[in-house]
């Protein structure tokens, strides 16, 4: 006589085995540079964000595959991210740079840049999230690695503010008067000592 197993028992065993299966593609961290995600610049200027990504896996490669952002107003955004592949335990940090530097030979470098419209109002803020998508691979994808699975998307909050332009503030009239009186007093004192 053949023994039949109930579907509930089969589902229970499958769930138990799945829960104990070795997990592949550990985790990774994604953050902005600056870490606060807050940047600012006057209308007409170009500002931007850098990034830091750490592959926390000790065996799998992390392959970045997509980057999205919430919408921007009063400016033109530009994706400048180069989609790095990270070996196990590797961290990549790229600050935003609109010009060539020792670590940025082909500018602009970083994650995203934003050029404010010339008429963007002072104090206007764009805020939202960058969403990084990635995949887990058994090894270097350019050297025989094999796709394992999609990684969980990672979010990083950003904020960009239109700052007042770089005008030089005028000194207070009281400070000017005190400075003038001090200079006169110093000159009188020098005359009296001769």
Foldseek 3Di string as FASTA:
>chain_A
DDDDDDPVVVVVVVVVVVVPPDDPQDDKDKAKVVRQQEEEEAAQAKDDIAMKMWRQAQFKKKWWDDKDWDDDPQKDKDFPDPGDIGGHGDMDTKGADQDDDPVRHDDGDHGMMIHGHNPDDAFDKDKTKMKIWIFIWRDDPVPPIHTDGTDDIDIYIHMYGHHDHPDDDDDDPVVVVVVVVVVVVVVVVVVVVD
